[in-house]
Amino acid sequence: MIRNRVDCRWDVAAVASIAGFFAIATNRNMGWFYVAYMEEFGVDRRGASWPGSVLSSTFRCSGLLVTLLHKYLSLFSIGLLGSILLWGSITASAFAPSIEWMTVAIGVAYGVGSGVVLVTHIVLIMQYFRKYRGIAAGLRLSSNPVSAIVFPAALSALKDAYGFRGASLVFGAITMHVTAFCIMLKEPPWLTSNKKKKSVSATPATPATDTQKDSSRSSIGCHVSSVRKEDMVASAWRVNEVAAEKSRGGDAFIPEAQALISPLASSRSCDVLARQNSSVSGLGRS
């Protein structure tokens, strides 16, 4: 299918851009939260700046966590877990009793969740696109300034209607859309098929038992000896034909040819032994 080829999945770039619009909202609107923290908790500027400072650090270090998790989980699973942590931390921040707990919820939990989501989406875009990789990445990043323009007015309206904690709950519900969009973003099918082929090729073969090895060796030895004896018999028949032409008697056998034909009986017994060994190995496998 055309839509499953490289540089053709623009729907993936569009979905990642919409998911980033909600996932980056808190990061792009920390100025609004900075003022809201001072009003809600009655702290000075230094205390109100802690959630934003910790958020910046954890957000930029989340790529290391994605690298470690990708050894055991797929990008789809990592992004899905990060999206749940993202809106779960915002919802939990509505019940934070102090600025310290707000720092843990928004600075640590939300920073890790949003960073994991955005990093996995960028990696997916790099996998889906090659020639138009820059355009697709630009489409994804274009949602960041849009989020910084839209959400300050929306958060102010929610705060006027429900208060700071009520606005945090509604904001957490809005960011649940990130999980819905993460479900739609999976790894490219051509990469998953290659992984399956590698796993199948890396599967070790079952070792042969001693009985099977002995039977195979004996059958190979008998086969080689039978081939040699057949060559000897064929040469004997050729000698007999030459002798018959010379003596003008078609049924005359010379003693040397008769001596060469005599090993035919022993070759037949060797073939019988090979058949017995093959039947014994078949019973051992069953």
Protein backbone atom coordinates (compact mmCIF):
# COMPACT_ATOMS: atom_id res chain seq x y z
CA MET A 1 0.00 0.00 0.00
CA ILE A 2 1.17 3.53 -0.78
CA ARG A 3 0.25 4.90 2.63
CA ASN A 4 2.54 2.35 4.29
CA ARG A 5 5.64 3.60 2.50
CA VAL A 6 8.30 6.02 3.69
CA ASP A 7 7.47 9.75 3.27
CA CYS A 8 3.75 9.02 2.74
CA ARG A 9 2.28 9.00 6.25
CA TRP A 10 1.44 12.67 6.72
CA ASP A 11 -1.40 11.65 9.01
CA VAL A 12 1.22 10.53 11.53
CA ALA A 13 2.84 13.98 11.48
CA ALA A 14 -0.56 15.66 11.89
CA VAL A 15 -1.59 13.47 14.82
CA ALA A 16 1.78 14.00 16.51
CA SER A 17 1.36 17.75 16.08
CA ILE A 18 -2.10 17.73 17.71
CA ALA A 19 -0.82 15.56 20.57
CA GLY A 20 2.08 17.97 21.08
CA PHE A 21 -0.38 20.88 21.23
CA PHE A 22 -1.82 19.45 24.47
CA ALA A 23 1.37 17.85 25.81
CA ILE A 24 3.44 21.06 25.71
CA ALA A 25 0.72 23.32 27.15
CA THR A 26 2.06 23.47 30.71
CA ASN A 27 5.64 24.02 29.56
CA ARG A 28 4.66 26.90 27.29
CA ASN A 29 2.45 28.56 29.92
CA MET A 30 4.64 28.43 33.02
CA GLY A 31 4.38 32.21 33.29
CA TRP A 32 0.66 31.89 33.94
CA PHE A 33 1.24 29.11 36.48
CA TYR A 34 4.02 31.15 38.10
CA VAL A 35 1.57 33.93 39.01
CA ALA A 36 -1.13 31.42 39.98
CA TYR A 37 1.25 29.65 42.42
CA MET A 38 2.07 32.90 44.20
CA GLU A 39 -1.62 33.72 44.58
CA GLU A 40 -2.70 30.21 45.62
CA PHE A 41 0.08 29.27 48.06
CA GLY A 42 1.17 32.75 49.18
CA VAL A 43 4.85 32.18 48.34
CA ASP A 44 7.45 34.58 47.01
CA ARG A 45 8.94 34.54 43.53
CA ARG A 46 11.71 32.14 44.50
CA GLY A 47 9.28 29.52 45.80
CA ALA A 48 6.91 29.92 42.87
CA SER A 49 9.75 29.36 40.40
CA TRP A 50 10.60 25.88 41.71
CA PRO A 51 8.01 23.87 39.70
CA GLY A 52 9.03 25.53 36.44
CA SER A 53 12.76 25.09 37.06
CA VAL A 54 12.44 21.40 37.93
CA LEU A 55 10.09 20.92 34.98
CA SER A 56 12.69 22.27 32.56
CA SER A 57 15.34 19.89 33.91
CA THR A 58 13.24 16.71 33.89
CA PHE A 59 11.74 17.55 30.51
CA ARG A 60 15.15 17.78 28.86
CA CYS A 61 16.51 14.67 30.58
CA SER A 62 13.57 12.47 29.61
CA GLY A 63 15.33 11.37 26.43
CA LEU A 64 17.71 9.28 28.54
CA LEU A 65 14.74 7.51 30.10
CA VAL A 66 13.28 6.78 26.67
CA THR A 67 16.59 5.25 25.61
CA LEU A 68 16.61 2.89 28.59
CA LEU A 69 12.96 1.91 28.26
CA HIS A 70 13.23 1.28 24.52
CA LYS A 71 15.41 -1.76 25.22
CA TYR A 72 12.39 -3.48 26.78
CA LEU A 73 9.32 -1.67 25.41
CA SER A 74 8.14 -0.37 22.06
CA LEU A 75 7.83 3.33 21.31
CA PHE A 76 4.06 2.93 21.30
CA SER A 77 4.05 1.56 24.86
CA ILE A 78 6.51 4.20 26.10
CA GLY A 79 4.47 7.05 24.64
CA LEU A 80 1.24 5.64 26.07
CA LEU A 81 2.70 5.34 29.58
CA GLY A 82 4.12 8.86 29.33
CA SER A 83 0.74 10.29 28.32
CA ILE A 84 -0.95 8.70 31.34
CA LEU A 85 1.73 10.14 33.62
CA LEU A 86 1.24 13.52 31.94
CA TRP A 87 -2.46 14.07 32.64
CA GLY A 88 -2.32 12.11 35.90
CA SER A 89 0.23 14.52 37.35
CA ILE A 90 -1.84 17.57 36.32
CA THR A 91 -4.92 16.07 37.97
CA ALA A 92 -2.94 15.28 41.12
CA SER A 93 -1.59 18.84 41.25
CA ALA A 94 -5.13 20.09 41.93
CA PHE A 95 -4.88 18.45 45.36
CA ALA A 96 -1.33 19.62 46.20
CA PRO A 97 -1.31 21.17 49.71
CA SER A 98 1.93 23.14 49.27
CA ILE A 99 4.37 24.40 46.69
CA GLU A 100 6.69 21.49 47.50
CA TRP A 101 4.08 18.91 46.46
CA MET A 102 3.28 21.03 43.43
CA THR A 103 6.96 20.82 42.49
CA VAL A 104 6.83 17.03 42.74
CA ALA A 105 3.62 16.78 40.69
CA ILE A 106 4.35 19.32 37.97
CA GLY A 107 8.14 19.57 38.09
CA VAL A 108 8.98 15.87 38.31
CA ALA A 109 6.00 13.77 37.21
CA TYR A 110 4.64 16.05 34.52
CA GLY A 111 8.13 16.89 33.26
CA VAL A 112 8.97 13.23 32.77
CA GLY A 113 5.59 12.42 31.20
CA SER A 114 5.56 15.28 28.71
CA GLY A 115 9.21 14.74 27.79
CA VAL A 116 8.68 11.04 27.13
CA VAL A 117 5.65 11.72 24.93
CA LEU A 118 7.32 14.40 22.84
CA VAL A 119 10.57 12.46 22.41
CA THR A 120 8.78 9.30 21.25
CA HIS A 121 6.73 11.29 18.76
CA ILE A 122 9.82 12.90 17.27
CA VAL A 123 11.46 9.48 16.93
CA LEU A 124 8.36 8.10 15.21
CA ILE A 125 8.41 10.96 12.72
CA MET A 126 12.07 10.23 11.99
CA GLN A 127 11.11 6.61 11.27
CA TYR A 128 8.18 7.44 9.01
CA PHE A 129 9.96 10.10 6.94
CA ARG A 130 13.28 10.28 5.14
CA LYS A 131 13.17 12.78 2.28
CA TYR A 132 10.58 15.06 3.92
CA ARG A 133 11.82 14.55 7.45
CA GLY A 134 12.46 18.25 8.04
CA ILE A 135 8.98 19.25 6.87
CA ALA A 136 7.33 16.59 9.02
CA ALA A 137 9.33 17.60 12.09
CA GLY A 138 8.47 21.25 11.44
CA LEU A 139 4.78 20.34 11.27
CA ARG A 140 5.10 18.61 14.61
CA LEU A 141 6.91 21.55 16.27
CA SER A 142 4.53 24.14 14.84
CA SER A 143 2.00 23.26 17.53
CA ASN A 144 4.27 24.57 20.31
CA PRO A 145 3.76 28.31 19.70
CA VAL A 146 0.08 27.73 18.97
CA SER A 147 -0.27 26.16 22.42
CA ALA A 148 1.43 29.17 23.99
CA ILE A 149 -1.10 31.47 22.31
CA VAL A 150 -4.31 29.53 22.99
CA PHE A 151 -3.98 28.20 26.54
CA PRO A 152 -3.29 31.38 28.59
CA ALA A 153 -6.73 32.76 27.75
CA ALA A 154 -8.34 29.34 28.26
CA LEU A 155 -6.69 28.84 31.66
CA SER A 156 -7.66 32.33 32.80
CA ALA A 157 -11.28 31.68 31.84
CA LEU A 158 -11.26 28.36 33.72
CA LYS A 159 -9.72 29.98 36.79
CA ASP A 160 -12.36 32.71 36.85
CA ALA A 161 -15.11 30.11 36.58
CA TYR A 162 -13.84 27.32 38.87
CA GLY A 163 -10.86 28.68 40.79
CA PHE A 164 -7.27 27.48 40.52
CA ARG A 165 -7.85 23.92 41.69
CA GLY A 166 -10.98 23.49 39.61
CA ALA A 167 -9.14 24.87 36.60
CA SER A 168 -6.34 22.34 37.22
CA LEU A 169 -8.87 19.48 37.20
CA VAL A 170 -10.45 20.65 33.96
CA PHE A 171 -7.02 21.23 32.44
CA GLY A 172 -6.05 17.67 33.39
CA ALA A 173 -9.19 16.39 31.67
CA ILE A 174 -8.31 18.35 28.53
CA THR A 175 -4.80 16.89 28.41
CA MET A 176 -6.28 13.37 28.45
CA HIS A 177 -6.60 13.83 24.69
CA VAL A 178 -2.86 13.09 24.52
CA THR A 179 -3.52 9.45 25.41
CA ALA A 180 -6.14 9.18 22.66
CA PHE A 181 -3.70 10.50 20.07
CA CYS A 182 -0.84 8.32 21.37
CA ILE A 183 -2.97 5.24 20.70
CA MET A 184 -3.01 6.23 17.03
CA LEU A 185 0.78 6.54 16.79
CA LYS A 186 2.54 3.21 16.34
CA GLU A 187 5.85 2.16 14.88
CA PRO A 188 6.09 1.77 11.08
CA PRO A 189 4.96 -1.66 9.82
CA TRP A 190 8.16 -2.16 7.82
CA LEU A 191 10.23 -1.83 11.01
CA THR A 192 8.07 -4.20 13.04
CA SER A 193 8.21 -6.82 10.27
CA ASN A 194 12.02 -6.59 10.19
CA LYS A 195 12.15 -7.11 13.96
CA LYS A 196 9.99 -10.23 13.65
CA LYS A 197 12.24 -11.62 10.92
CA LYS A 198 15.33 -11.02 13.04
CA SER A 199 13.76 -12.71 16.06
CA VAL A 200 12.84 -15.75 13.97
CA SER A 201 16.32 -15.99 12.46
CA ALA A 202 17.92 -15.64 15.90
CA THR A 203 15.97 -18.63 17.30
CA PRO A 204 18.53 -21.41 18.03
CA ALA A 205 18.01 -24.77 16.39
CA THR A 206 17.38 -27.82 18.60
CA PRO A 207 20.58 -29.86 19.03
CA ALA A 208 20.59 -33.41 17.76
CA THR A 209 20.76 -36.27 20.25
CA ASP A 210 23.58 -38.81 20.39
CA THR A 211 21.35 -41.50 18.89
CA GLN A 212 20.50 -39.29 15.93
CA LYS A 213 24.18 -38.39 15.43
CA ASP A 214 25.25 -42.07 15.49
CA SER A 215 22.49 -43.09 13.10
CA SER A 216 23.32 -40.27 10.69
CA ARG A 217 27.02 -41.15 10.76
CA SER A 218 26.34 -44.84 10.10
CA SER A 219 23.90 -44.05 7.30
CA ILE A 220 26.40 -41.68 5.70
CA GLY A 221 29.15 -44.29 5.94
CA CYS A 222 26.95 -46.97 4.41
CA HIS A 223 25.88 -44.62 1.67
CA VAL A 224 29.48 -43.82 0.75
CA SER A 225 30.50 -47.48 0.76
CA SER A 226 27.46 -48.45 -1.32
CA VAL A 227 28.34 -45.80 -3.90
CA ARG A 228 31.87 -47.12 -4.14
CA LYS A 229 30.64 -50.70 -4.52
CA GLU A 230 28.17 -49.68 -7.20
CA ASP A 231 31.06 -48.13 -9.12
CA MET A 232 32.95 -51.38 -8.76
CA VAL A 233 29.97 -53.38 -10.04
CA ALA A 234 29.55 -51.05 -13.01
CA SER A 235 33.21 -51.43 -13.93
CA ALA A 236 32.85 -55.22 -13.63
CA TRP A 237 29.92 -55.22 -16.02
CA ARG A 238 31.94 -53.18 -18.50
CA VAL A 239 34.79 -55.71 -18.27
CA ASN A 240 32.31 -58.54 -18.90
CA GLU A 241 30.88 -56.77 -21.94
CA VAL A 242 34.37 -56.32 -23.40
CA ALA A 243 35.18 -59.98 -22.70
CA ALA A 244 31.90 -61.11 -24.26
CA GLU A 245 32.59 -59.17 -27.42
CA LYS A 246 36.03 -60.72 -27.68
CA SER A 247 34.81 -64.28 -27.07
CA ARG A 248 31.59 -63.73 -29.09
CA GLY A 249 29.62 -65.30 -26.25
CA GLY A 250 27.25 -62.94 -24.44
CA ASP A 251 27.01 -65.05 -21.22
CA ALA A 252 30.68 -65.55 -20.45
CA PHE A 253 32.00 -64.03 -17.21
CA ILE A 254 35.68 -63.73 -16.52
CA PRO A 255 36.95 -64.51 -12.98
CA GLU A 256 38.12 -60.94 -12.32
CA ALA A 257 34.67 -59.54 -13.12
CA GLN A 258 33.01 -62.18 -10.98
CA ALA A 259 35.23 -61.12 -8.05
CA LEU A 260 34.18 -57.50 -8.52
CA ILE A 261 30.44 -58.34 -8.63
CA SER A 262 30.57 -60.36 -5.39
CA PRO A 263 30.60 -57.25 -3.04
CA LEU A 264 27.06 -56.41 -4.27
CA ALA A 265 25.57 -58.70 -1.65
CA SER A 266 27.38 -56.90 1.18
CA SER A 267 26.19 -53.51 -0.14
CA ARG A 268 22.60 -54.70 0.07
CA SER A 269 23.09 -55.62 3.73
CA CYS A 270 24.54 -52.17 4.38
CA ASP A 271 21.44 -50.57 2.81
CA VAL A 272 19.23 -52.64 5.11
CA LEU A 273 21.25 -51.40 8.12
CA ALA A 274 20.82 -47.79 7.00
CA ARG A 275 17.06 -48.22 6.76
CA GLN A 276 16.96 -49.68 10.27
CA ASN A 277 18.95 -46.75 11.65
CA SER A 278 16.62 -44.25 9.99
CA SER A 279 13.59 -45.98 11.50
CA VAL A 280 15.19 -45.95 14.97
CA SER A 281 15.97 -42.21 14.67
CA GLY A 282 12.36 -41.56 13.62
CA LEU A 283 11.08 -43.36 16.72
CA GLY A 284 13.48 -41.34 18.91
CA ARG A 285 12.18 -38.04 17.52
CA SER A 286 8.55 -39.03 18.07
